[in-house]
Every structure is written in structure tokens, then in C-alpha cells.
């Protein structure tokens, strides 16, 4: 027999507010809410990876949870086919082609995808289209601050 919690619990389509931090294992912060601020979103709306949202389901109001996700469960492993060499002349002069700089590229379908400058070699530039967090183990910490279940 399931024990009913007196506290609201995050459900699959809950509209929730959280304080969160996404960091690398070496404690480098990738993204986080500012102190005293929350992020409000509905589970399933694509705000976070599905795997992260699935781990929030079942948490009670006020709970703080910390999850470590290996690369394959987080942003995936890098694919060597996603690294492309382009000519520097293909970029406008004002674009920063220094290694580490992220540039937005339009796909033929009109979507924008990020590409990270990996290396500049003479007249060519190597662009990595893998997710910037590919191959990274991440630590996601969240505190459930509010649950707006709207009757369901």
C-alpha cells in the first residue's frame, strides 16, 4: 500500500518552480538560477533533458535532489562526423574565429545549431557541431520551490 504524502509531489506534467544548478564534475557551473530566483516550467516542455525531468518526478515540495549524469545519459558522446572544416572566407569578417567561440549556424530547415570553433589553421577553421557538453559528466542539483498542479 502506497503511503500518501501530505506534501505536493512533482508529477509527469507538473508546472513547477525550482532553484537549480547544472555543473561539471570539476564544479564548473554551466547554468544556475540566481540567488532568490526560481525557474518556472512545465515538465515535458523541453526546458531540460527528458532524463533530468524524469528524475524530478516524485519529489516532494521543498526537496533538494542532486543527480550525476554520465555523458551518455546527459548530452551524449561526441561524434567525429560532427566536426567540419570550413574556409575562413565563408565567415563574415566580424565573426570571432578564436578557439572556444560558439557561433550559431542556420540549417537548411531554418533551425539554428551551435558550432564551436575548435582550431584555426591558415585559411581553414575546424568547427565542432557536437553539443558543447558532449562527453561531459554533469551534476544537476534542484530544489523544488513550488508545484502548481492545477488539479492534475
N, C-alpha and C. Protein backbone atom coordinates (compact mmCIF):
# COMPACT_ATOMS: atom_id res chain seq x y z
N UNK A 1 0.83 -1.18 0.00
CA UNK A 1 0.00 0.00 0.00
C UNK A 1 0.88 1.25 0.00
N UNK A 2 0.62 2.16 -0.94
CA UNK A 2 1.41 3.39 -1.05
C UNK A 2 1.05 4.35 0.08
N UNK A 3 2.06 4.99 0.57
CA UNK A 3 1.84 6.00 1.61
C UNK A 3 1.61 7.33 0.92
N UNK A 4 0.52 7.98 1.25
CA UNK A 4 0.21 9.27 0.64
C UNK A 4 0.96 10.36 1.39
N UNK A 5 1.71 11.15 0.63
CA UNK A 5 2.46 12.24 1.24
C UNK A 5 1.53 13.43 1.48
N UNK A 6 1.68 14.11 2.61
CA UNK A 6 0.89 15.31 2.84
C UNK A 6 1.38 16.48 1.99
N UNK A 7 2.58 16.35 1.45
CA UNK A 7 3.16 17.43 0.63
C UNK A 7 2.85 17.20 -0.85
N UNK A 8 2.72 18.28 -1.62
CA UNK A 8 2.56 18.11 -3.07
C UNK A 8 3.78 17.39 -3.65
N UNK A 9 3.55 16.59 -4.67
CA UNK A 9 4.61 15.82 -5.31
C UNK A 9 4.66 16.17 -6.79
N UNK A 10 5.87 16.30 -7.33
CA UNK A 10 6.04 16.58 -8.76
C UNK A 10 5.50 15.40 -9.55
N UNK A 11 4.66 15.72 -10.54
CA UNK A 11 4.09 14.70 -11.41
C UNK A 11 4.59 14.91 -12.84
N UNK A 12 4.25 13.97 -13.75
CA UNK A 12 4.81 13.99 -15.10
C UNK A 12 4.58 15.28 -15.87
N UNK A 13 3.49 15.95 -15.66
CA UNK A 13 3.21 17.20 -16.39
C UNK A 13 3.09 18.40 -15.45
N UNK A 14 3.69 18.30 -14.28
CA UNK A 14 3.59 19.39 -13.30
C UNK A 14 4.21 20.68 -13.82
N UNK A 15 3.57 21.77 -13.41
CA UNK A 15 4.11 23.12 -13.62
C UNK A 15 4.82 23.43 -12.32
N UNK A 16 6.15 23.52 -12.37
CA UNK A 16 6.92 23.66 -11.13
C UNK A 16 7.87 24.86 -11.18
N UNK A 17 8.32 25.24 -9.98
CA UNK A 17 9.37 26.25 -9.85
C UNK A 17 10.51 25.60 -9.09
N UNK A 18 11.71 25.75 -9.64
CA UNK A 18 12.88 25.17 -8.98
C UNK A 18 14.01 26.19 -8.92
N UNK A 19 14.87 25.98 -7.94
CA UNK A 19 16.19 26.58 -7.94
C UNK A 19 17.09 25.45 -8.43
N UNK A 20 18.01 25.76 -9.35
CA UNK A 20 18.83 24.66 -9.87
C UNK A 20 20.25 25.12 -10.17
N UNK A 21 21.10 24.12 -10.30
CA UNK A 21 22.47 24.34 -10.75
C UNK A 21 22.86 23.15 -11.61
N UNK A 22 23.43 23.45 -12.77
CA UNK A 22 23.99 22.42 -13.64
C UNK A 22 25.49 22.69 -13.67
N UNK A 23 26.25 21.70 -13.24
CA UNK A 23 27.71 21.88 -13.14
C UNK A 23 28.43 20.67 -13.70
N UNK A 24 29.70 20.88 -14.00
CA UNK A 24 30.56 19.76 -14.39
C UNK A 24 31.09 19.12 -13.12
N UNK A 25 31.67 17.94 -13.26
CA UNK A 25 32.18 17.22 -12.09
C UNK A 25 33.26 18.03 -11.37
N UNK A 26 34.01 18.85 -12.13
CA UNK A 26 35.07 19.66 -11.50
C UNK A 26 34.52 20.92 -10.83
N UNK A 27 33.20 21.00 -10.70
CA UNK A 27 32.48 22.10 -10.03
C UNK A 27 32.31 23.35 -10.90
N UNK A 28 32.73 23.30 -12.18
CA UNK A 28 32.50 24.42 -13.09
C UNK A 28 30.99 24.54 -13.31
N UNK A 29 30.44 25.72 -13.03
CA UNK A 29 29.00 25.92 -13.18
C UNK A 29 28.67 26.23 -14.64
N UNK A 30 27.75 25.47 -15.20
CA UNK A 30 27.32 25.66 -16.58
C UNK A 30 26.14 26.63 -16.61
N UNK A 31 25.19 26.41 -15.72
CA UNK A 31 24.00 27.25 -15.65
C UNK A 31 23.39 27.11 -14.26
N UNK A 32 22.80 28.20 -13.77
CA UNK A 32 22.14 28.12 -12.47
C UNK A 32 21.18 29.30 -12.32
N UNK A 33 20.23 29.14 -11.40
CA UNK A 33 19.35 30.25 -11.08
C UNK A 33 20.10 31.19 -10.14
N UNK A 34 19.78 32.46 -10.22
CA UNK A 34 20.39 33.44 -9.32
C UNK A 34 19.81 33.24 -7.92
N UNK A 35 20.54 33.68 -6.92
CA UNK A 35 20.08 33.52 -5.55
C UNK A 35 18.72 34.20 -5.37
N UNK A 36 17.78 33.47 -4.79
CA UNK A 36 16.45 34.00 -4.55
C UNK A 36 15.53 33.94 -5.75
N UNK A 37 16.03 33.47 -6.89
CA UNK A 37 15.19 33.34 -8.09
C UNK A 37 14.87 31.89 -8.36
N UNK A 38 13.74 31.67 -9.03
CA UNK A 38 13.38 30.31 -9.42
C UNK A 38 13.15 30.29 -10.92
N UNK A 39 13.17 29.10 -11.46
CA UNK A 39 12.82 28.89 -12.86
C UNK A 39 11.50 28.13 -12.86
N UNK A 40 10.49 28.69 -13.55
CA UNK A 40 9.20 28.02 -13.63
C UNK A 40 9.05 27.41 -15.01
N UNK A 41 8.66 26.16 -15.06
CA UNK A 41 8.45 25.46 -16.33
C UNK A 41 7.53 24.29 -16.11
N UNK A 42 7.05 23.73 -17.20
CA UNK A 42 6.19 22.55 -17.15
C UNK A 42 7.00 21.35 -17.62
N UNK A 43 7.00 20.29 -16.83
CA UNK A 43 7.72 19.09 -17.23
C UNK A 43 7.22 18.64 -18.60
N UNK A 44 8.16 18.28 -19.46
CA UNK A 44 7.81 17.84 -20.79
C UNK A 44 7.85 18.94 -21.83
N UNK A 45 8.12 20.20 -21.40
CA UNK A 45 8.12 21.29 -22.39
C UNK A 45 9.49 21.50 -23.05
N UNK A 46 10.46 20.66 -22.69
CA UNK A 46 11.77 20.75 -23.32
C UNK A 46 12.74 21.69 -22.62
N UNK A 47 12.37 22.22 -21.47
CA UNK A 47 13.28 23.11 -20.74
C UNK A 47 14.56 22.37 -20.38
N UNK A 48 14.42 21.14 -19.92
CA UNK A 48 15.57 20.33 -19.55
C UNK A 48 15.53 19.02 -20.33
N UNK A 49 16.63 18.30 -20.31
CA UNK A 49 16.67 16.97 -20.90
C UNK A 49 15.58 16.12 -20.26
N UNK A 50 14.97 15.25 -21.05
CA UNK A 50 13.93 14.34 -20.53
C UNK A 50 14.43 13.57 -19.31
N UNK A 51 15.69 13.12 -19.35
CA UNK A 51 16.21 12.31 -18.25
C UNK A 51 16.24 13.11 -16.95
N UNK A 52 16.56 14.39 -17.05
CA UNK A 52 16.58 15.23 -15.85
C UNK A 52 15.16 15.41 -15.34
N UNK A 53 14.23 15.71 -16.24
CA UNK A 53 12.84 15.90 -15.82
C UNK A 53 12.27 14.64 -15.20
N UNK A 54 12.60 13.47 -15.75
CA UNK A 54 12.11 12.20 -15.20
C UNK A 54 12.57 12.02 -13.76
N UNK A 55 13.77 12.51 -13.44
CA UNK A 55 14.29 12.35 -12.08
C UNK A 55 13.62 13.29 -11.09
N UNK A 56 12.97 14.34 -11.59
CA UNK A 56 12.26 15.26 -10.70
C UNK A 56 10.89 14.71 -10.30
N UNK A 57 10.33 13.85 -11.15
CA UNK A 57 9.01 13.28 -10.86
C UNK A 57 9.07 12.47 -9.57
N UNK A 58 8.11 12.73 -8.69
CA UNK A 58 8.04 12.02 -7.42
C UNK A 58 8.66 12.77 -6.26
N UNK A 59 9.37 13.85 -6.55
CA UNK A 59 9.97 14.63 -5.46
C UNK A 59 8.91 15.48 -4.78
N UNK A 60 9.01 15.62 -3.48
CA UNK A 60 8.07 16.43 -2.71
C UNK A 60 8.49 17.90 -2.71
N UNK A 61 7.52 18.75 -2.51
CA UNK A 61 7.77 20.18 -2.35
C UNK A 61 8.83 20.39 -1.26
N UNK A 62 9.83 21.23 -1.56
CA UNK A 62 10.88 21.51 -0.59
C UNK A 62 12.08 20.60 -0.67
N UNK A 63 11.97 19.51 -1.42
CA UNK A 63 13.07 18.56 -1.54
C UNK A 63 14.20 19.14 -2.38
N UNK A 64 15.43 18.88 -1.97
CA UNK A 64 16.60 19.17 -2.80
C UNK A 64 17.18 17.84 -3.23
N UNK A 65 17.39 17.70 -4.53
CA UNK A 65 17.93 16.46 -5.07
C UNK A 65 19.16 16.78 -5.91
N UNK A 66 20.12 15.85 -5.88
CA UNK A 66 21.35 16.02 -6.65
C UNK A 66 21.56 14.76 -7.48
N UNK A 67 21.68 14.94 -8.80
CA UNK A 67 21.84 13.82 -9.72
C UNK A 67 23.13 13.98 -10.50
N UNK A 68 23.86 12.90 -10.66
CA UNK A 68 25.05 12.90 -11.52
C UNK A 68 24.71 12.08 -12.75
N UNK A 69 24.91 12.70 -13.92
CA UNK A 69 24.60 12.04 -15.19
C UNK A 69 25.88 11.87 -16.00
N UNK A 70 26.18 10.63 -16.35
CA UNK A 70 27.31 10.38 -17.24
C UNK A 70 27.00 10.95 -18.62
N UNK A 71 28.03 11.15 -19.43
CA UNK A 71 27.88 11.79 -20.74
C UNK A 71 26.80 11.14 -21.60
N UNK A 72 26.77 9.80 -21.62
CA UNK A 72 25.80 9.12 -22.47
C UNK A 72 24.36 9.36 -22.03
N UNK A 73 24.14 9.67 -20.75
CA UNK A 73 22.80 9.96 -20.25
C UNK A 73 22.49 11.45 -20.25
N UNK A 74 23.52 12.28 -20.38
CA UNK A 74 23.32 13.73 -20.34
C UNK A 74 23.24 14.28 -21.77
N UNK A 75 24.34 14.80 -22.29
CA UNK A 75 24.32 15.46 -23.60
C UNK A 75 24.96 14.62 -24.69
N UNK A 76 25.23 13.36 -24.38
CA UNK A 76 25.72 12.44 -25.39
C UNK A 76 27.23 12.46 -25.56
N UNK A 77 27.68 11.51 -26.35
CA UNK A 77 29.09 11.41 -26.68
C UNK A 77 29.33 12.16 -27.98
N UNK A 78 30.51 12.72 -28.11
CA UNK A 78 30.80 13.47 -29.33
C UNK A 78 30.92 12.50 -30.51
N UNK A 79 30.55 13.00 -31.68
CA UNK A 79 30.58 12.22 -32.91
C UNK A 79 31.59 12.89 -33.83
N UNK A 80 32.65 12.16 -34.25
CA UNK A 80 33.66 12.78 -35.12
C UNK A 80 33.06 13.31 -36.43
N UNK A 81 31.91 12.77 -36.85
CA UNK A 81 31.27 13.25 -38.07
C UNK A 81 30.66 14.64 -37.90
N UNK A 82 30.57 15.10 -36.65
CA UNK A 82 30.01 16.43 -36.39
C UNK A 82 31.08 17.51 -36.34
N UNK A 83 32.30 17.16 -36.73
CA UNK A 83 33.39 18.13 -36.79
C UNK A 83 33.65 18.41 -38.27
N UNK A 84 33.54 19.69 -38.65
CA UNK A 84 33.65 20.07 -40.06
C UNK A 84 34.76 21.11 -40.25
N UNK A 85 35.43 21.03 -41.41
CA UNK A 85 36.43 22.04 -41.76
C UNK A 85 35.79 22.98 -42.77
N UNK A 86 35.90 24.28 -42.52
CA UNK A 86 35.32 25.29 -43.39
C UNK A 86 36.41 26.31 -43.72
N UNK A 87 36.20 27.07 -44.77
CA UNK A 87 37.14 28.13 -45.12
C UNK A 87 36.85 29.37 -44.29
N UNK A 88 37.88 30.03 -43.83
CA UNK A 88 37.71 31.27 -43.06
C UNK A 88 36.93 32.30 -43.88
N UNK A 89 37.11 32.26 -45.21
CA UNK A 89 36.44 33.23 -46.10
C UNK A 89 34.92 33.04 -46.11
N UNK A 90 34.42 31.90 -45.59
CA UNK A 90 32.97 31.66 -45.54
C UNK A 90 32.31 32.43 -44.40
N UNK A 91 33.11 33.03 -43.53
CA UNK A 91 32.59 33.75 -42.37
C UNK A 91 32.72 35.25 -42.56
N UNK A 92 31.73 36.02 -42.10
CA UNK A 92 31.87 37.48 -42.14
C UNK A 92 33.08 37.90 -41.32
N UNK A 93 33.71 39.00 -41.73
CA UNK A 93 34.94 39.47 -41.08
C UNK A 93 34.75 39.73 -39.58
N UNK A 94 33.52 40.12 -39.16
CA UNK A 94 33.31 40.46 -37.74
C UNK A 94 33.12 39.24 -36.84
N UNK A 95 33.06 38.04 -37.41
CA UNK A 95 32.89 36.82 -36.60
C UNK A 95 34.21 36.46 -35.93
N UNK A 96 34.14 36.18 -34.64
CA UNK A 96 35.30 35.78 -33.84
C UNK A 96 35.61 34.32 -34.12
N UNK A 97 36.76 34.07 -34.74
CA UNK A 97 37.13 32.69 -35.06
C UNK A 97 38.19 32.15 -34.09
N UNK A 98 38.18 32.64 -32.86
CA UNK A 98 39.12 32.13 -31.87
C UNK A 98 38.60 30.81 -31.29
N UNK A 99 39.50 29.85 -31.02
CA UNK A 99 39.08 28.57 -30.45
C UNK A 99 38.24 28.77 -29.19
N UNK A 100 37.14 28.01 -29.10
CA UNK A 100 36.23 28.09 -27.96
C UNK A 100 35.03 28.97 -28.23
N UNK A 101 35.10 29.84 -29.24
CA UNK A 101 33.97 30.73 -29.54
C UNK A 101 32.84 29.91 -30.17
N UNK A 102 31.61 30.16 -29.72
CA UNK A 102 30.44 29.44 -30.25
C UNK A 102 29.72 30.34 -31.25
N UNK A 103 29.43 29.78 -32.42
CA UNK A 103 28.77 30.50 -33.50
C UNK A 103 27.46 29.80 -33.82
N UNK A 104 26.40 30.57 -34.07
CA UNK A 104 25.12 29.99 -34.47
C UNK A 104 25.08 29.80 -35.97
N UNK A 105 24.73 28.60 -36.42
CA UNK A 105 24.62 28.29 -37.84
C UNK A 105 23.18 27.93 -38.16
N UNK A 106 22.69 28.39 -39.30
CA UNK A 106 21.33 28.05 -39.74
C UNK A 106 21.41 26.76 -40.56
N UNK A 107 20.50 25.83 -40.24
CA UNK A 107 20.42 24.59 -41.02
C UNK A 107 19.52 24.85 -42.22
N UNK A 108 19.51 23.95 -43.20
CA UNK A 108 18.61 24.14 -44.36
C UNK A 108 17.14 24.23 -43.96
N UNK A 109 16.77 23.67 -42.80
CA UNK A 109 15.38 23.73 -42.35
C UNK A 109 15.08 25.00 -41.56
N UNK A 110 16.11 25.87 -41.37
CA UNK A 110 15.89 27.13 -40.69
C UNK A 110 16.19 27.10 -39.19
N UNK A 111 16.52 25.92 -38.67
CA UNK A 111 16.88 25.83 -37.25
C UNK A 111 18.27 26.41 -37.06
N UNK A 112 18.55 26.86 -35.83
CA UNK A 112 19.90 27.32 -35.54
C UNK A 112 20.58 26.30 -34.64
N UNK A 113 21.79 25.93 -35.03
CA UNK A 113 22.57 25.00 -34.22
C UNK A 113 23.89 25.66 -33.86
N UNK A 114 24.41 25.37 -32.65
CA UNK A 114 25.68 25.97 -32.27
C UNK A 114 26.85 25.16 -32.80
N UNK A 115 27.88 25.88 -33.23
CA UNK A 115 29.14 25.26 -33.62
C UNK A 115 30.25 25.95 -32.86
N UNK A 116 31.17 25.18 -32.30
CA UNK A 116 32.27 25.74 -31.53
C UNK A 116 33.54 25.73 -32.36
N UNK A 117 34.21 26.88 -32.43
CA UNK A 117 35.48 26.96 -33.15
C UNK A 117 36.47 26.08 -32.38
N UNK A 118 36.99 25.09 -33.08
CA UNK A 118 37.92 24.15 -32.45
C UNK A 118 39.37 24.56 -32.72
N UNK A 119 39.63 24.93 -33.98
CA UNK A 119 41.00 25.24 -34.36
C UNK A 119 40.98 26.08 -35.62
N UNK A 120 41.91 27.03 -35.75
CA UNK A 120 42.08 27.80 -36.97
C UNK A 120 43.46 27.45 -37.51
N UNK A 121 43.49 27.06 -38.79
CA UNK A 121 44.74 26.63 -39.40
C UNK A 121 44.85 27.30 -40.76
N UNK A 122 45.60 28.39 -40.81
CA UNK A 122 45.76 29.10 -42.08
C UNK A 122 44.44 29.67 -42.55
N UNK A 123 43.97 29.20 -43.72
CA UNK A 123 42.72 29.69 -44.31
C UNK A 123 41.51 28.86 -43.92
N UNK A 124 41.72 27.85 -43.08
CA UNK A 124 40.58 27.00 -42.73
C UNK A 124 40.33 27.03 -41.22
N UNK A 125 39.09 26.72 -40.87
CA UNK A 125 38.69 26.70 -39.47
C UNK A 125 37.94 25.39 -39.23
N UNK A 126 38.24 24.74 -38.12
CA UNK A 126 37.57 23.49 -37.76
C UNK A 126 36.46 23.83 -36.78
N UNK A 127 35.23 23.48 -37.16
CA UNK A 127 34.05 23.76 -36.34
C UNK A 127 33.50 22.45 -35.80
N UNK A 128 33.26 22.42 -34.49
CA UNK A 128 32.71 21.24 -33.82
C UNK A 128 31.23 21.48 -33.57
N UNK A 129 30.38 20.69 -34.23
CA UNK A 129 28.93 20.83 -34.09
C UNK A 129 28.36 19.91 -33.01
N UNK A 130 29.21 19.20 -32.28
CA UNK A 130 28.72 18.41 -31.15
C UNK A 130 28.23 19.37 -30.08
N UNK A 131 27.31 18.90 -29.23
CA UNK A 131 26.84 19.74 -28.13
C UNK A 131 28.06 20.16 -27.30
N UNK A 132 28.12 21.42 -26.85
CA UNK A 132 29.28 21.86 -26.06
C UNK A 132 29.52 21.00 -24.82
N UNK A 133 28.48 20.33 -24.32
CA UNK A 133 28.65 19.47 -23.14
C UNK A 133 28.74 17.98 -23.50
N UNK A 134 28.92 17.68 -24.80
CA UNK A 134 29.12 16.28 -25.19
C UNK A 134 30.34 15.75 -24.46
N UNK A 135 30.31 14.50 -24.08
CA UNK A 135 31.39 13.81 -23.37
C UNK A 135 31.53 14.23 -21.90
N UNK A 136 30.69 15.16 -21.44
CA UNK A 136 30.83 15.67 -20.07
C UNK A 136 29.87 14.96 -19.12
N UNK A 137 30.38 14.60 -17.96
CA UNK A 137 29.53 14.14 -16.86
C UNK A 137 29.06 15.40 -16.15
N UNK A 138 27.76 15.50 -15.93
CA UNK A 138 27.21 16.70 -15.30
C UNK A 138 26.53 16.36 -13.98
N UNK A 139 26.48 17.36 -13.11
CA UNK A 139 25.82 17.22 -11.81
C UNK A 139 24.68 18.24 -11.80
N UNK A 140 23.46 17.75 -11.65
CA UNK A 140 22.28 18.60 -11.64
C UNK A 140 21.71 18.60 -10.23
N UNK A 141 21.62 19.79 -9.63
CA UNK A 141 21.06 19.93 -8.29
C UNK A 141 19.82 20.80 -8.41
N UNK A 142 18.72 20.36 -7.83
CA UNK A 142 17.47 21.13 -7.90
C UNK A 142 16.75 21.09 -6.57
N UNK A 143 16.14 22.22 -6.23
CA UNK A 143 15.27 22.31 -5.06
C UNK A 143 13.88 22.66 -5.57
N UNK A 144 12.90 21.84 -5.20
CA UNK A 144 11.52 22.06 -5.62
C UNK A 144 10.93 23.18 -4.74
N UNK A 145 10.69 24.34 -5.34
CA UNK A 145 10.23 25.51 -4.59
C UNK A 145 8.72 25.68 -4.66
N UNK A 146 8.09 25.25 -5.74
CA UNK A 146 6.63 25.37 -5.87
C UNK A 146 6.16 24.33 -6.88
N UNK A 147 4.95 23.82 -6.63
CA UNK A 147 4.31 22.87 -7.56
C UNK A 147 2.92 23.41 -7.82
N UNK A 148 2.64 23.71 -9.08
CA UNK A 148 1.33 24.22 -9.47
C UNK A 148 0.65 23.13 -10.30
N UNK A 149 -0.01 22.19 -9.66
CA UNK A 149 -0.56 21.04 -10.40
C UNK A 149 -1.90 21.30 -11.05
N UNK A 150 -2.53 22.40 -10.75
CA UNK A 150 -3.81 22.75 -11.38
C UNK A 150 -4.78 21.58 -11.45
N UNK A 151 -4.90 20.92 -10.34
CA UNK A 151 -5.88 19.84 -10.25
C UNK A 151 -5.47 18.58 -10.94
N UNK A 152 -4.21 18.45 -11.39
CA UNK A 152 -3.89 17.22 -12.05
C UNK A 152 -2.45 17.02 -12.12
